Amino acid sequence: MTTDAQKRASRKYNAANTRQIIIRLNKRTDADILETLAACGNVQGYIKSLIRADVSAPTNDGNAR
């Protein structure tokens, strides 16, 4: 069981070092995205890898974003 001190320490760490981003997906219109995420296993890792690939891809003018 988690103690109150551990919970406070976690909240303090998260407040100082993390940011939570929430996305809502519609079951009907975003079904393809939901299926892909369900099949990938590590959703957070998959999304991060897609964003990092996009950020590091060169733009049309030859420069990174």
N, C-alpha and C. Protein backbone atom coordinates (compact mmCIF):
# COMPACT_ATOMS: atom_id res chain seq x y z
N MET A 1 0.84 -1.17 0.00
CA MET A 1 0.00 0.00 0.00
C MET A 1 0.89 1.24 0.00
N THR A 2 0.43 2.27 -0.69
CA THR A 2 1.17 3.52 -0.79
C THR A 2 0.85 4.41 0.40
N THR A 3 1.91 4.94 1.00
CA THR A 3 1.71 5.83 2.15
C THR A 3 1.37 7.23 1.66
N ASP A 4 0.87 8.05 2.58
CA ASP A 4 0.55 9.44 2.24
C ASP A 4 1.81 10.19 1.83
N ALA A 5 2.93 9.91 2.47
CA ALA A 5 4.19 10.57 2.12
C ALA A 5 4.62 10.21 0.70
N GLN A 6 4.44 8.95 0.30
CA GLN A 6 4.80 8.54 -1.05
C GLN A 6 3.89 9.22 -2.08
N LYS A 7 2.61 9.34 -1.75
CA LYS A 7 1.68 10.02 -2.66
C LYS A 7 2.06 11.48 -2.82
N ARG A 8 2.40 12.15 -1.72
CA ARG A 8 2.81 13.55 -1.79
C ARG A 8 4.08 13.71 -2.61
N ALA A 9 5.03 12.81 -2.41
CA ALA A 9 6.29 12.86 -3.15
C ALA A 9 6.04 12.65 -4.65
N SER A 10 5.16 11.73 -4.99
CA SER A 10 4.82 11.50 -6.40
C SER A 10 4.16 12.73 -7.02
N ARG A 11 3.23 13.32 -6.31
CA ARG A 11 2.56 14.52 -6.81
C ARG A 11 3.56 15.66 -7.01
N LYS A 12 4.46 15.82 -6.05
CA LYS A 12 5.47 16.88 -6.14
C LYS A 12 6.40 16.64 -7.33
N TYR A 13 6.85 15.40 -7.52
CA TYR A 13 7.72 15.07 -8.65
C TYR A 13 6.99 15.32 -9.96
N ASN A 14 5.76 14.84 -10.07
CA ASN A 14 5.00 14.99 -11.31
C ASN A 14 4.75 16.46 -11.63
N ALA A 15 4.46 17.26 -10.63
CA ALA A 15 4.22 18.68 -10.85
C ALA A 15 5.47 19.38 -11.38
N ALA A 16 6.62 18.97 -10.89
CA ALA A 16 7.87 19.63 -11.28
C ALA A 16 8.46 19.10 -12.58
N ASN A 17 8.17 17.83 -12.92
CA ASN A 17 8.92 17.19 -14.00
C ASN A 17 8.10 16.63 -15.15
N THR A 18 6.80 16.66 -15.08
CA THR A 18 6.00 16.06 -16.15
C THR A 18 4.88 17.00 -16.56
N ARG A 19 4.34 16.70 -17.73
CA ARG A 19 3.16 17.41 -18.22
C ARG A 19 2.25 16.37 -18.85
N GLN A 20 0.99 16.41 -18.52
CA GLN A 20 0.03 15.45 -19.04
C GLN A 20 -0.75 16.09 -20.18
N ILE A 21 -0.86 15.35 -21.28
CA ILE A 21 -1.60 15.82 -22.44
C ILE A 21 -2.69 14.79 -22.71
N ILE A 22 -3.92 15.24 -22.83
CA ILE A 22 -5.05 14.33 -23.00
C ILE A 22 -5.65 14.54 -24.38
N ILE A 23 -6.01 13.44 -25.02
CA ILE A 23 -6.65 13.49 -26.32
C ILE A 23 -7.89 12.61 -26.27
N ARG A 24 -8.98 13.12 -26.79
CA ARG A 24 -10.21 12.34 -26.87
C ARG A 24 -10.39 11.88 -28.31
N LEU A 25 -10.69 10.60 -28.49
CA LEU A 25 -10.93 10.05 -29.81
C LEU A 25 -12.35 9.53 -29.89
N ASN A 26 -13.02 9.84 -30.99
CA ASN A 26 -14.39 9.41 -31.21
C ASN A 26 -14.38 7.95 -31.69
N LYS A 27 -15.18 7.11 -31.06
CA LYS A 27 -15.21 5.69 -31.39
C LYS A 27 -15.63 5.43 -32.83
N ARG A 28 -16.45 6.31 -33.40
CA ARG A 28 -16.91 6.11 -34.78
C ARG A 28 -15.95 6.72 -35.79
N THR A 29 -15.63 8.00 -35.62
CA THR A 29 -14.83 8.68 -36.64
C THR A 29 -13.34 8.40 -36.53
N ASP A 30 -12.88 7.98 -35.37
CA ASP A 30 -11.46 7.70 -35.16
C ASP A 30 -11.20 6.21 -34.92
N ALA A 31 -12.08 5.37 -35.42
CA ALA A 31 -11.96 3.93 -35.18
C ALA A 31 -10.63 3.38 -35.70
N ASP A 32 -10.14 3.89 -36.83
CA ASP A 32 -8.88 3.41 -37.38
C ASP A 32 -7.71 3.72 -36.45
N ILE A 33 -7.73 4.89 -35.85
CA ILE A 33 -6.67 5.27 -34.90
C ILE A 33 -6.76 4.40 -33.66
N LEU A 34 -7.96 4.20 -33.14
CA LEU A 34 -8.14 3.39 -31.94
C LEU A 34 -7.69 1.94 -32.17
N GLU A 35 -7.97 1.38 -33.34
CA GLU A 35 -7.53 0.02 -33.66
C GLU A 35 -6.01 -0.06 -33.70
N THR A 36 -5.37 0.93 -34.31
CA THR A 36 -3.91 0.95 -34.40
C THR A 36 -3.29 1.04 -33.02
N LEU A 37 -3.82 1.90 -32.17
CA LEU A 37 -3.28 2.06 -30.82
C LEU A 37 -3.50 0.80 -29.99
N ALA A 38 -4.64 0.14 -30.16
CA ALA A 38 -4.92 -1.09 -29.41
C ALA A 38 -3.96 -2.20 -29.80
N ALA A 39 -3.52 -2.21 -31.05
CA ALA A 39 -2.65 -3.28 -31.54
C ALA A 39 -1.17 -3.04 -31.25
N CYS A 40 -0.79 -1.82 -30.93
CA CYS A 40 0.64 -1.52 -30.83
C CYS A 40 1.27 -1.95 -29.51
N GLY A 41 0.53 -2.14 -28.47
CA GLY A 41 1.10 -2.57 -27.19
C GLY A 41 1.51 -1.41 -26.31
N ASN A 42 2.51 -0.64 -26.72
CA ASN A 42 3.00 0.49 -25.94
C ASN A 42 2.51 1.78 -26.60
N VAL A 43 1.36 2.24 -26.21
CA VAL A 43 0.73 3.40 -26.85
C VAL A 43 1.59 4.65 -26.68
N GLN A 44 2.05 4.92 -25.49
CA GLN A 44 2.85 6.12 -25.24
C GLN A 44 4.13 6.09 -26.07
N GLY A 45 4.82 4.96 -26.08
CA GLY A 45 6.05 4.84 -26.86
C GLY A 45 5.80 5.01 -28.35
N TYR A 46 4.70 4.44 -28.83
CA TYR A 46 4.34 4.54 -30.25
C TYR A 46 4.08 5.99 -30.64
N ILE A 47 3.30 6.69 -29.84
CA ILE A 47 2.98 8.10 -30.14
C ILE A 47 4.25 8.95 -30.08
N LYS A 48 5.09 8.73 -29.09
CA LYS A 48 6.34 9.49 -28.98
C LYS A 48 7.24 9.24 -30.19
N SER A 49 7.32 7.99 -30.64
CA SER A 49 8.18 7.69 -31.80
C SER A 49 7.66 8.38 -33.06
N LEU A 50 6.33 8.44 -33.24
CA LEU A 50 5.77 9.13 -34.39
C LEU A 50 6.07 10.63 -34.34
N ILE A 51 5.94 11.23 -33.17
CA ILE A 51 6.19 12.67 -33.03
C ILE A 51 7.67 12.96 -33.26
N ARG A 52 8.56 12.13 -32.68
CA ARG A 52 9.99 12.35 -32.87
C ARG A 52 10.40 12.20 -34.33
N ALA A 53 9.81 11.23 -35.03
CA ALA A 53 10.10 11.06 -36.46
C ALA A 53 9.63 12.28 -37.24
N ASP A 54 8.47 12.82 -36.89
CA ASP A 54 7.95 14.00 -37.57
C ASP A 54 8.82 15.22 -37.29
N VAL A 55 9.24 15.39 -36.06
CA VAL A 55 10.06 16.55 -35.68
C VAL A 55 11.42 16.50 -36.37
N SER A 56 11.99 15.33 -36.51
CA SER A 56 13.33 15.22 -37.09
C SER A 56 13.31 15.14 -38.62
N ALA A 57 12.13 14.99 -39.23
CA ALA A 57 12.04 14.91 -40.69
C ALA A 57 12.32 16.29 -41.29
N PRO A 58 13.06 16.31 -42.38
CA PRO A 58 13.32 17.61 -43.02
C PRO A 58 12.04 18.16 -43.64
N THR A 59 11.95 19.47 -43.67
CA THR A 59 10.81 20.13 -44.29
C THR A 59 11.10 20.33 -45.78
N ASN A 60 10.17 20.88 -46.50
CA ASN A 60 10.35 21.09 -47.93
C ASN A 60 11.54 21.99 -48.27
N ASP A 61 11.89 22.90 -47.35
CA ASP A 61 13.01 23.79 -47.62
C ASP A 61 14.36 23.20 -47.19
N GLY A 62 14.33 21.94 -46.76
CA GLY A 62 15.57 21.25 -46.41
C GLY A 62 16.00 21.39 -44.97
N ASN A 63 15.26 22.14 -44.18
CA ASN A 63 15.61 22.34 -42.77
C ASN A 63 14.73 21.46 -41.89
N ALA A 64 15.26 21.07 -40.74
CA ALA A 64 14.46 20.34 -39.76
C ALA A 64 13.43 21.28 -39.18
N ARG A 65 12.33 20.72 -38.68
CA ARG A 65 11.27 21.56 -38.10
C ARG A 65 11.70 22.19 -36.83
